[in-house]
Each structure stands twice: as C-alpha cells, then as structure tokens.
Amino acid sequence: MGTPPFMQFRSRLVAKEPMLGTFIKSPVTHGIEILGSVGFDFVVVDQEHAAFDRVTIDALILAGRAAGIAVLVRVPGGEARDILPVLDCGAQGVLVPHVGTPALASGIVAEARYQGGRRGFTNSSRAGGYGTLGFQAHVAAGDAHAAVVAMIEDLCALEVLDDIAAVQGLDAFFIGRGDLSIALGADSPGAPAVVNATERIAAAARRAGKAICAHVDRADSPDVAWLRGLGVTAFIVSSEQGLMRRAATQTLLQFREANKAPSR
C-alpha cells in the first residue's frame, strides 16, 4: 500500500510543487470535508487566532484524513506544549508564528523531530496508528512526514534571514505580510517597505533551497503572479469563512439581479 496523498504534503512542499490551501477558522469538521472533496491540497487550522482546543483539532485532523486532505496547524507558539499535541493527533505539519531568530527556528525543529530532536515519543496516538506502527517505524514516519514551517513576520528576523534559513530540518518560510506591515508601520501589505521585506525573505529562502508559503485574499489577486515569481509555491487563499462569505455575497447579488422588477 502506498503513502496516502494527504501524507505526501511534506514531500510535495520541499519539492516545491504548486499547492492550494486555506485557513480553517471554524471549530467544525464540515469545511475540511468540503475542501477535501473539491480537491484542495491542504488546510491550516488556525489555532493562533481562532477558537480551537485539542479535542476539536483532533476531530478536524480526522476529518482531513477522511476527506483525503492534508491538515496543518498554525500553533500559538514554538514550545513542546504547542507542537507535540497536534503532531500526535496526526497533523501533517505546523506553522509556527514569530520565528525571529535561528535559535527559535532550531527549537521548533527539535520539538517536531524524534531523531536529532526532542519530540516526546508515543506510538499510541493517531500518528502512530494507535500502536500499529512499531517503535522505529513510527519514529521514521514521524520525522519523514511532519512539515515544519517558520512564519517570518518580525523585524528582527529580517536581520538574520540567511541564518534562519540555514537551520537543518526547517522545511519552509511562510511570509507573514500582515504582521510585517504592522511592524514596519505600513498601511497595507502592498506598501513599498513590505514589498521589499517580502522580496528579501523570499530571496533568503531561495538561497537556502527552502520552500516558500504565502497568504493571499483571492486566487485571482495580482499578488499571486508576483509571489509565484518570487518562488512561492504553497498558497493559502483566504479562509473557509472568507470563501463562504465571498460565495454568499455573490449568490445574494445574483439573486437580487434575477429578481429585479421588470422595467416598464
């Protein structure tokens, strides 16, 4: 039996294959099931900014497996208590916010890896097949399939980009243009200072051979072509709430147009 498609997320990420995902903000499974059924490559459960506890995240990861879609988690921090639980639940990786130094980057890699790291061992979780995988098989699978993505969104990170990118085991940069805009005092991610920072981050990732992820509001945004040119291959488009709002707004406008009173 081959590796299920959703378990191939990390290998596809590091191979820089184009992939489409979205953030998950709602603590219910249905959005993930729908997104998997239509063919999205991955979702990112936003534990940093939305209402998720461990039990809910566990259910969302199970929904992803049922729908054949990779589930990552944007964890609230880079400590073991943030990273270990979601990996034990079977997440295909973590996005870690505010990775501003090489030491922080090394720390999050260590928390996500068994060999050469300090991930706490258990194979009795979903990730270990509830004991189905033996000791070495689970260690190997855990290290092979857990993607580690550092969110670069702080001014201090801009001064040590090459050092962060050089950390072994770090798979990708996520360019956090929102927080960078705030940090730079810019009024939007399109401001020249943010554009410059984005280009610097992408260049450092390319020099180190790292994959690059970015968020855009819409798949037809002009930023997509620009970011793709910088080397971004994993795009997180909006969120399931944003996609629903956009579709609902479009449906409402279509309904109103279809039900206009005929002109006399």
C-alpha atoms as a PDB file:
ATOM      1  CA  MET A   1       0.000   0.000   0.000  1.00  0.00           C
ATOM      2  CA  GLY A   2       1.407   3.404  -0.970  1.00  0.00           C
ATOM      3  CA  THR A   3       1.542   6.550   1.118  1.00  0.00           C
ATOM      4  CA  PRO A   4      -1.888   8.260   1.228  1.00  0.00           C
ATOM      5  CA  PRO A   5      -1.928  11.537  -0.728  1.00  0.00           C
ATOM      6  CA  PHE A   6      -2.525  13.662   2.369  1.00  0.00           C
ATOM      7  CA  MET A   7       0.627  12.177   3.919  1.00  0.00           C
ATOM      8  CA  GLN A   8       2.672  13.381   0.951  1.00  0.00           C
ATOM      9  CA  PHE A   9       2.294  17.056   1.903  1.00  0.00           C
ATOM     10  CA  ARG A  10       5.825  17.494   3.226  1.00  0.00           C
ATOM     11  CA  SER A  11       7.477  15.792   0.263  1.00  0.00           C
ATOM     12  CA  ARG A  12       5.426  17.914  -2.125  1.00  0.00           C
ATOM     13  CA  LEU A  13       6.242  21.058  -0.157  1.00  0.00           C
ATOM     14  CA  VAL A  14      10.002  20.543  -0.220  1.00  0.00           C
ATOM     15  CA  ALA A  15       9.791  19.558  -3.900  1.00  0.00           C
ATOM     16  CA  LYS A  16       8.169  22.966  -4.453  1.00  0.00           C
ATOM     17  CA  GLU A  17       5.068  21.617  -6.147  1.00  0.00           C
ATOM     18  CA  PRO A  18       2.250  24.175  -6.565  1.00  0.00           C
ATOM     19  CA  MET A  19      -0.297  23.608  -3.803  1.00  0.00           C
ATOM     20  CA  LEU A  20      -3.525  25.310  -2.775  1.00  0.00           C
ATOM     21  CA  GLY A  21      -4.765  25.624   0.791  1.00  0.00           C
ATOM     22  CA  THR A  22      -6.847  27.834   3.031  1.00  0.00           C
ATOM     23  CA  PHE A  23      -7.084  28.679   6.708  1.00  0.00           C
ATOM     24  CA  ILE A  24      -9.726  26.993   8.857  1.00  0.00           C
ATOM     25  CA  LYS A  25     -11.283  29.331  11.412  1.00  0.00           C
ATOM     26  CA  SER A  26     -14.433  27.428  12.446  1.00  0.00           C
ATOM     27  CA  PRO A  27     -14.341  24.605  15.028  1.00  0.00           C
ATOM     28  CA  VAL A  28     -16.435  22.186  12.932  1.00  0.00           C
ATOM     29  CA  THR A  29     -15.412  19.449  10.508  1.00  0.00           C
ATOM     30  CA  HIS A  30     -17.637  20.240   7.540  1.00  0.00           C
ATOM     31  CA  GLY A  31     -15.450  22.864   5.893  1.00  0.00           C
ATOM     32  CA  ILE A  32     -12.492  20.495   5.768  1.00  0.00           C
ATOM     33  CA  GLU A  33     -14.636  17.714   4.331  1.00  0.00           C
ATOM     34  CA  ILE A  34     -15.916  20.019   1.592  1.00  0.00           C
ATOM     35  CA  LEU A  35     -12.487  21.415   0.745  1.00  0.00           C
ATOM     36  CA  GLY A  36     -11.064  17.917   0.523  1.00  0.00           C
ATOM     37  CA  SER A  37     -13.895  16.774  -1.717  1.00  0.00           C
ATOM     38  CA  VAL A  38     -13.315  19.584  -4.228  1.00  0.00           C
ATOM     39  CA  GLY A  39      -9.585  18.940  -4.419  1.00  0.00           C
ATOM     40  CA  PHE A  40      -7.746  21.465  -2.206  1.00  0.00           C
ATOM     41  CA  ASP A  41      -4.295  20.194  -1.294  1.00  0.00           C
ATOM     42  CA  PHE A  42      -4.236  21.283   2.348  1.00  0.00           C
ATOM     43  CA  VAL A  43      -5.846  23.335   5.093  1.00  0.00           C
ATOM     44  CA  VAL A  44      -4.287  25.155   8.032  1.00  0.00           C
ATOM     45  CA  VAL A  45      -6.213  25.056  11.292  1.00  0.00           C
ATOM     46  CA  ASP A  46      -5.653  28.499  12.799  1.00  0.00           C
ATOM     47  CA  GLN A  47      -5.089  27.773  16.465  1.00  0.00           C
ATOM     48  CA  GLU A  48      -3.262  31.099  16.862  1.00  0.00           C
ATOM     49  CA  HIS A  49      -6.249  33.290  16.013  1.00  0.00           C
ATOM     50  CA  ALA A  50      -9.389  31.144  16.276  1.00  0.00           C
ATOM     51  CA  ALA A  51     -11.268  29.097  18.870  1.00  0.00           C
ATOM     52  CA  PHE A  52      -9.695  25.631  18.889  1.00  0.00           C
ATOM     53  CA  ASP A  53      -8.932  23.261  21.735  1.00  0.00           C
ATOM     54  CA  ARG A  54      -7.110  19.943  21.461  1.00  0.00           C
ATOM     55  CA  VAL A  55     -10.261  17.842  21.192  1.00  0.00           C
ATOM     56  CA  THR A  56     -11.568  19.972  18.327  1.00  0.00           C
ATOM     57  CA  ILE A  57      -8.232  19.889  16.500  1.00  0.00           C
ATOM     58  CA  ASP A  58      -8.193  16.109  16.873  1.00  0.00           C
ATOM     59  CA  ALA A  59     -11.605  15.912  15.172  1.00  0.00           C
ATOM     60  CA  LEU A  60     -10.544  18.270  12.387  1.00  0.00           C
ATOM     61  CA  ILE A  61      -7.473  16.186  11.629  1.00  0.00           C
ATOM     62  CA  LEU A  62      -9.652  13.075  11.496  1.00  0.00           C
ATOM     63  CA  ALA A  63     -11.960  14.918   9.059  1.00  0.00           C
ATOM     64  CA  GLY A  64      -8.965  15.718   6.895  1.00  0.00           C
ATOM     65  CA  ARG A  65      -7.958  12.082   6.749  1.00  0.00           C
ATOM     66  CA  ALA A  66     -11.489  11.064   5.833  1.00  0.00           C
ATOM     67  CA  ALA A  67     -11.542  13.657   3.045  1.00  0.00           C
ATOM     68  CA  GLY A  68      -8.007  12.920   1.860  1.00  0.00           C
ATOM     69  CA  ILE A  69      -6.670  16.424   2.517  1.00  0.00           C
ATOM     70  CA  ALA A  70      -3.561  17.380   4.480  1.00  0.00           C
ATOM     71  CA  VAL A  71      -4.193  19.234   7.744  1.00  0.00           C
ATOM     72  CA  LEU A  72      -1.571  21.544   9.202  1.00  0.00           C
ATOM     73  CA  VAL A  73      -1.959  23.615  12.346  1.00  0.00           C
ATOM     74  CA  ARG A  74      -0.855  27.192  12.896  1.00  0.00           C
ATOM     75  CA  VAL A  75       0.121  26.699  16.519  1.00  0.00           C
ATOM     76  CA  PRO A  76       0.178  29.577  19.022  1.00  0.00           C
ATOM     77  CA  GLY A  77       3.871  29.154  19.898  1.00  0.00           C
ATOM     78  CA  GLY A  78       7.010  27.119  19.427  1.00  0.00           C
ATOM     79  CA  GLU A  79       7.193  25.088  22.622  1.00  0.00           C
ATOM     80  CA  ALA A  80       6.584  21.365  23.096  1.00  0.00           C
ATOM     81  CA  ARG A  81       3.111  22.027  24.519  1.00  0.00           C
ATOM     82  CA  ASP A  82       2.210  23.764  21.252  1.00  0.00           C
ATOM     83  CA  ILE A  83       3.764  21.380  18.725  1.00  0.00           C
ATOM     84  CA  LEU A  84       3.662  17.881  20.237  1.00  0.00           C
ATOM     85  CA  PRO A  85      -0.124  17.552  20.740  1.00  0.00           C
ATOM     86  CA  VAL A  86      -1.072  18.396  17.148  1.00  0.00           C
ATOM     87  CA  LEU A  87       1.582  16.080  15.711  1.00  0.00           C
ATOM     88  CA  ASP A  88       0.381  13.262  17.970  1.00  0.00           C
ATOM     89  CA  CYS A  89      -3.133  13.904  16.658  1.00  0.00           C
ATOM     90  CA  GLY A  90      -1.772  13.298  13.170  1.00  0.00           C
ATOM     91  CA  ALA A  91      -1.278  16.783  11.719  1.00  0.00           C
ATOM     92  CA  GLN A  92       0.882  16.847   8.612  1.00  0.00           C
ATOM     93  CA  GLY A  93       2.832  19.797   9.939  1.00  0.00           C
ATOM     94  CA  VAL A  94       2.947  23.036  11.877  1.00  0.00           C
ATOM     95  CA  LEU A  95       3.159  26.714  11.016  1.00  0.00           C
ATOM     96  CA  VAL A  96       4.936  28.424  13.885  1.00  0.00           C
ATOM     97  CA  PRO A  97       4.465  32.187  14.300  1.00  0.00           C
ATOM     98  CA  HIS A  98       7.114  34.811  15.065  1.00  0.00           C
ATOM     99  CA  VAL A  99      10.235  32.805  14.315  1.00  0.00           C
ATOM    100  CA  GLY A 100      12.643  35.695  14.630  1.00  0.00           C
ATOM    101  CA  THR A 101      15.992  34.039  15.389  1.00  0.00           C
ATOM    102  CA  PRO A 102      17.983  30.962  14.340  1.00  0.00           C
ATOM    103  CA  ALA A 103      17.692  29.677  17.912  1.00  0.00           C
ATOM    104  CA  LEU A 104      13.904  29.774  17.716  1.00  0.00           C
ATOM    105  CA  ALA A 105      13.995  28.038  14.339  1.00  0.00           C
ATOM    106  CA  SER A 106      16.250  25.310  15.726  1.00  0.00           C
ATOM    107  CA  GLY A 107      13.938  24.944  18.709  1.00  0.00           C
ATOM    108  CA  ILE A 108      10.787  24.340  16.695  1.00  0.00           C
ATOM    109  CA  VAL A 109      12.545  21.799  14.514  1.00  0.00           C
ATOM    110  CA  ALA A 110      13.726  19.977  17.637  1.00  0.00           C
ATOM    111  CA  GLU A 111      10.191  19.849  19.056  1.00  0.00           C
ATOM    112  CA  ALA A 112       8.881  18.340  15.811  1.00  0.00           C
ATOM    113  CA  ARG A 113      11.588  15.712  15.271  1.00  0.00           C
ATOM    114  CA  TYR A 114      12.499  12.488  17.053  1.00  0.00           C
ATOM    115  CA  GLN A 115      15.965  11.794  15.615  1.00  0.00           C
ATOM    116  CA  GLY A 116      18.241  14.696  16.472  1.00  0.00           C
ATOM    117  CA  GLY A 117      15.369  16.471  18.223  1.00  0.00           C
ATOM    118  CA  ARG A 118      13.355  16.194  21.392  1.00  0.00           C
ATOM    119  CA  ARG A 119       9.840  15.239  20.323  1.00  0.00           C
ATOM    120  CA  GLY A 120       8.263  13.207  23.084  1.00  0.00           C
ATOM    121  CA  PHE A 121       7.666   9.623  21.979  1.00  0.00           C
ATOM    122  CA  THR A 122       4.410   7.768  21.772  1.00  0.00           C
ATOM    123  CA  ASN A 123       3.072   5.471  19.090  1.00  0.00           C
ATOM    124  CA  SER A 124      -0.269   5.013  20.835  1.00  0.00           C
ATOM    125  CA  SER A 125      -1.719   8.158  19.215  1.00  0.00           C
ATOM    126  CA  ARG A 126      -3.357   8.528  15.799  1.00  0.00           C
ATOM    127  CA  ALA A 127       0.046   9.439  14.369  1.00  0.00           C
ATOM    128  CA  GLY A 128       1.334   6.044  15.476  1.00  0.00           C
ATOM    129  CA  GLY A 129      -1.705   4.150  14.261  1.00  0.00           C
ATOM    130  CA  TYR A 130      -2.784   3.598  17.872  1.00  0.00           C
ATOM    131  CA  GLY A 131       0.151   1.264  18.370  1.00  0.00           C
ATOM    132  CA  THR A 132       0.067  -0.317  14.925  1.00  0.00           C
ATOM    133  CA  LEU A 133       3.415   1.206  13.960  1.00  0.00           C
ATOM    134  CA  GLY A 134       6.382  -0.223  15.792  1.00  0.00           C
ATOM    135  CA  PHE A 135       8.945   1.942  17.544  1.00  0.00           C
ATOM    136  CA  GLN A 136      11.341   2.515  14.654  1.00  0.00           C
ATOM    137  CA  ALA A 137       8.585   2.653  12.033  1.00  0.00           C
ATOM    138  CA  HIS A 138       6.772   5.397  13.909  1.00  0.00           C
ATOM    139  CA  VAL A 139       9.951   7.391  14.513  1.00  0.00           C
ATOM    140  CA  ALA A 140      10.833   7.196  10.827  1.00  0.00           C
ATOM    141  CA  ALA A 141       7.313   8.098   9.691  1.00  0.00           C
ATOM    142  CA  GLY A 142       7.031  10.976  12.136  1.00  0.00           C
ATOM    143  CA  ASP A 143      10.304  12.507  11.031  1.00  0.00           C
ATOM    144  CA  ALA A 144       9.527  11.960   7.353  1.00  0.00           C
ATOM    145  CA  HIS A 145       6.027  13.392   7.241  1.00  0.00           C
ATOM    146  CA  ALA A 146       5.872  16.304   9.729  1.00  0.00           C
ATOM    147  CA  ALA A 147       6.431  19.587   7.908  1.00  0.00           C
ATOM    148  CA  VAL A 148       7.916  22.498   9.852  1.00  0.00           C
ATOM    149  CA  VAL A 149       7.161  25.969   8.507  1.00  0.00           C
ATOM    150  CA  ALA A 150       8.550  29.118  10.119  1.00  0.00           C
ATOM    151  CA  MET A 151       6.461  32.260   9.899  1.00  0.00           C
ATOM    152  CA  ILE A 152       8.761  35.193   9.146  1.00  0.00           C
ATOM    153  CA  GLU A 153       6.911  38.284  10.310  1.00  0.00           C
ATOM    154  CA  ASP A 154       9.163  40.266  12.663  1.00  0.00           C
ATOM    155  CA  LEU A 155      11.773  42.962  12.055  1.00  0.00           C
ATOM    156  CA  CYS A 156      14.428  41.041  13.994  1.00  0.00           C
ATOM    157  CA  ALA A 157      14.082  38.132  11.560  1.00  0.00           C
ATOM    158  CA  LEU A 158      14.959  40.370   8.625  1.00  0.00           C
ATOM    159  CA  GLU A 159      18.460  40.838  10.044  1.00  0.00           C
ATOM    160  CA  VAL A 160      19.218  37.096  10.250  1.00  0.00           C
ATOM    161  CA  LEU A 161      17.259  35.608   7.354  1.00  0.00           C
ATOM    162  CA  ASP A 162      20.124  33.527   5.982  1.00  0.00           C
ATOM    163  CA  ASP A 163      20.895  32.140   9.432  1.00  0.00           C
ATOM    164  CA  ILE A 164      17.272  31.115   9.972  1.00  0.00           C
ATOM    165  CA  ALA A 165      17.027  29.585   6.508  1.00  0.00           C
ATOM    166  CA  ALA A 166      20.195  27.564   7.154  1.00  0.00           C
ATOM    167  CA  VAL A 167      18.585  25.632  10.033  1.00  0.00           C
ATOM    168  CA  GLN A 168      18.513  21.950   9.118  1.00  0.00           C
ATOM    169  CA  GLY A 169      15.062  20.383   9.227  1.00  0.00           C
ATOM    170  CA  LEU A 170      13.225  23.630   8.625  1.00  0.00           C
ATOM    171  CA  ASP A 171      11.153  22.982   5.511  1.00  0.00           C
ATOM    172  CA  ALA A 172       9.743  26.346   4.501  1.00  0.00           C
ATOM    173  CA  PHE A 173       9.247  30.028   5.192  1.00  0.00           C
ATOM    174  CA  PHE A 174       5.771  31.498   5.467  1.00  0.00           C
ATOM    175  CA  ILE A 175       5.944  35.197   4.622  1.00  0.00           C
ATOM    176  CA  GLY A 176       3.751  36.941   7.212  1.00  0.00           C
ATOM    177  CA  ARG A 177       2.927  40.108   5.303  1.00  0.00           C
ATOM    178  CA  GLY A 178       0.206  41.179   7.732  1.00  0.00           C
ATOM    179  CA  ASP A 179       2.389  41.316  10.819  1.00  0.00           C
ATOM    180  CA  LEU A 180       5.278  42.688   8.777  1.00  0.00           C
ATOM    181  CA  SER A 181       3.033  45.562   7.711  1.00  0.00           C
ATOM    182  CA  ILE A 182       2.256  46.397  11.323  1.00  0.00           C
ATOM    183  CA  ALA A 183       5.900  46.084  12.369  1.00  0.00           C
ATOM    184  CA  LEU A 184       7.044  48.341   9.539  1.00  0.00           C
ATOM    185  CA  GLY A 185       4.335  50.923  10.210  1.00  0.00           C
ATOM    186  CA  ALA A 186       2.880  50.352   6.754  1.00  0.00           C
ATOM    187  CA  ASP A 187      -0.747  50.938   5.878  1.00  0.00           C
ATOM    188  CA  SER A 188      -1.051  47.758   3.766  1.00  0.00           C
ATOM    189  CA  PRO A 189       0.914  44.707   2.619  1.00  0.00           C
ATOM    190  CA  GLY A 190       1.321  46.474  -0.700  1.00  0.00           C
ATOM    191  CA  ALA A 191       3.424  49.260   0.792  1.00  0.00           C
ATOM    192  CA  PRO A 192       6.974  49.523  -0.606  1.00  0.00           C
ATOM    193  CA  ALA A 193       8.609  48.591   2.714  1.00  0.00           C
ATOM    194  CA  VAL A 194       6.561  45.389   2.937  1.00  0.00           C
ATOM    195  CA  VAL A 195       7.224  44.540  -0.697  1.00  0.00           C
ATOM    196  CA  ASN A 196      10.940  44.966  -0.052  1.00  0.00           C
ATOM    197  CA  ALA A 197      10.817  42.783   3.071  1.00  0.00           C
ATOM    198  CA  THR A 198       8.845  40.118   1.203  1.00  0.00           C
ATOM    199  CA  GLU A 199      11.430  40.042  -1.560  1.00  0.00           C
ATOM    200  CA  ARG A 200      14.269  39.760   0.960  1.00  0.00           C
ATOM    201  CA  ILE A 201      12.584  36.859   2.755  1.00  0.00           C
ATOM    202  CA  ALA A 202      11.905  35.039  -0.486  1.00  0.00           C
ATOM    203  CA  ALA A 203      15.487  35.555  -1.679  1.00  0.00           C
ATOM    204  CA  ALA A 204      16.880  34.073   1.541  1.00  0.00           C
ATOM    205  CA  ALA A 205      14.606  31.054   1.204  1.00  0.00           C
ATOM    206  CA  ARG A 206      15.682  30.542  -2.404  1.00  0.00           C
ATOM    207  CA  ARG A 207      19.367  30.759  -1.483  1.00  0.00           C
ATOM    208  CA  ALA A 208      18.853  28.008   1.098  1.00  0.00           C
ATOM    209  CA  GLY A 209      16.653  25.903  -1.162  1.00  0.00           C
ATOM    210  CA  LYS A 210      13.672  26.256   1.174  1.00  0.00           C
ATOM    211  CA  ALA A 211      10.059  26.215   0.031  1.00  0.00           C
ATOM    212  CA  ILE A 212       8.021  29.406   0.407  1.00  0.00           C
ATOM    213  CA  CYS A 213       4.410  29.823   1.508  1.00  0.00           C
ATOM    214  CA  ALA A 214       2.249  32.943   1.431  1.00  0.00           C
ATOM    215  CA  HIS A 215      -1.304  34.062   2.076  1.00  0.00           C
ATOM    216  CA  VAL A 216      -3.467  35.954  -0.403  1.00  0.00           C
ATOM    217  CA  ASP A 217      -7.072  37.064  -0.129  1.00  0.00           C
ATOM    218  CA  ARG A 218      -8.104  35.785  -3.543  1.00  0.00           C
ATOM    219  CA  ALA A 219      -6.767  33.302  -6.067  1.00  0.00           C
ATOM    220  CA  ASP A 220      -7.140  35.944  -8.792  1.00  0.00           C
ATOM    221  CA  SER A 221      -5.206  38.581  -6.834  1.00  0.00           C
ATOM    222  CA  PRO A 222      -2.411  40.312  -8.810  1.00  0.00           C
ATOM    223  CA  ASP A 223      -0.140  39.352  -5.912  1.00  0.00           C
ATOM    224  CA  VAL A 224      -0.292  35.684  -6.952  1.00  0.00           C
ATOM    225  CA  ALA A 225       1.805  36.161 -10.083  1.00  0.00           C
ATOM    226  CA  TRP A 226       4.269  38.395  -8.223  1.00  0.00           C
ATOM    227  CA  LEU A 227       4.642  35.935  -5.351  1.00  0.00           C
ATOM    228  CA  ARG A 228       4.959  32.999  -7.719  1.00  0.00           C
ATOM    229  CA  GLY A 229       7.784  34.869  -9.419  1.00  0.00           C
ATOM    230  CA  LEU A 230       9.492  35.163  -6.021  1.00  0.00           C
ATOM    231  CA  GLY A 231       9.339  31.397  -5.601  1.00  0.00           C
ATOM    232  CA  VAL A 232       6.127  30.930  -3.607  1.00  0.00           C
ATOM    233  CA  THR A 233       4.599  27.541  -4.374  1.00  0.00           C
ATOM    234  CA  ALA A 234       2.237  26.896  -1.431  1.00  0.00           C
ATOM    235  CA  PHE A 235      -0.593  29.430  -1.443  1.00  0.00           C
ATOM    236  CA  ILE A 236      -3.047  29.840   1.431  1.00  0.00           C
ATOM    237  CA  VAL A 237      -6.038  31.614  -0.082  1.00  0.00           C
ATOM    238  CA  SER A 238      -8.367  33.380   2.363  1.00  0.00           C
ATOM    239  CA  SER A 239     -10.070  31.094   4.908  1.00  0.00           C
ATOM    240  CA  GLU A 240     -13.099  28.846   4.780  1.00  0.00           C
ATOM    241  CA  GLN A 241     -15.081  31.679   6.357  1.00  0.00           C
ATOM    242  CA  GLY A 242     -13.778  34.133   3.765  1.00  0.00           C
ATOM    243  CA  LEU A 243     -14.579  31.745   0.924  1.00  0.00           C
ATOM    244  CA  MET A 244     -18.089  31.228   2.293  1.00  0.00           C
ATOM    245  CA  ARG A 245     -18.641  34.966   2.698  1.00  0.00           C
ATOM    246  CA  ARG A 246     -17.478  35.626  -0.874  1.00  0.00           C
ATOM    247  CA  ALA A 247     -19.693  32.882  -2.306  1.00  0.00           C
ATOM    248  CA  ALA A 248     -22.649  34.034  -0.210  1.00  0.00           C
ATOM    249  CA  THR A 249     -22.197  37.647  -1.310  1.00  0.00           C
ATOM    250  CA  GLN A 250     -22.026  36.603  -4.958  1.00  0.00           C
ATOM    251  CA  THR A 251     -25.143  34.440  -4.563  1.00  0.00           C
ATOM    252  CA  LEU A 252     -27.039  37.314  -2.942  1.00  0.00           C
ATOM    253  CA  LEU A 253     -26.125  39.693  -5.750  1.00  0.00           C
ATOM    254  CA  GLN A 254     -27.144  37.109  -8.362  1.00  0.00           C
ATOM    255  CA  PHE A 255     -30.465  36.576  -6.604  1.00  0.00           C
ATOM    256  CA  ARG A 256     -31.191  40.295  -6.415  1.00  0.00           C
ATOM    257  CA  GLU A 257     -30.290  40.711 -10.078  1.00  0.00           C
ATOM    258  CA  ALA A 258     -32.543  37.820 -11.113  1.00  0.00           C
ATOM    259  CA  ASN A 259     -35.450  39.231  -9.080  1.00  0.00           C
ATOM    260  CA  LYS A 260     -35.331  42.839 -10.180  1.00  0.00           C
ATOM    261  CA  ALA A 261     -38.725  44.205 -11.135  1.00  0.00           C
ATOM    262  CA  PRO A 262     -39.000  44.235 -14.937  1.00  0.00           C
ATOM    263  CA  SER A 263     -38.620  47.663 -16.487  1.00  0.00           C
ATOM    264  CA  ARG A 264     -41.774  49.189 -17.943  1.00  0.00           C
END
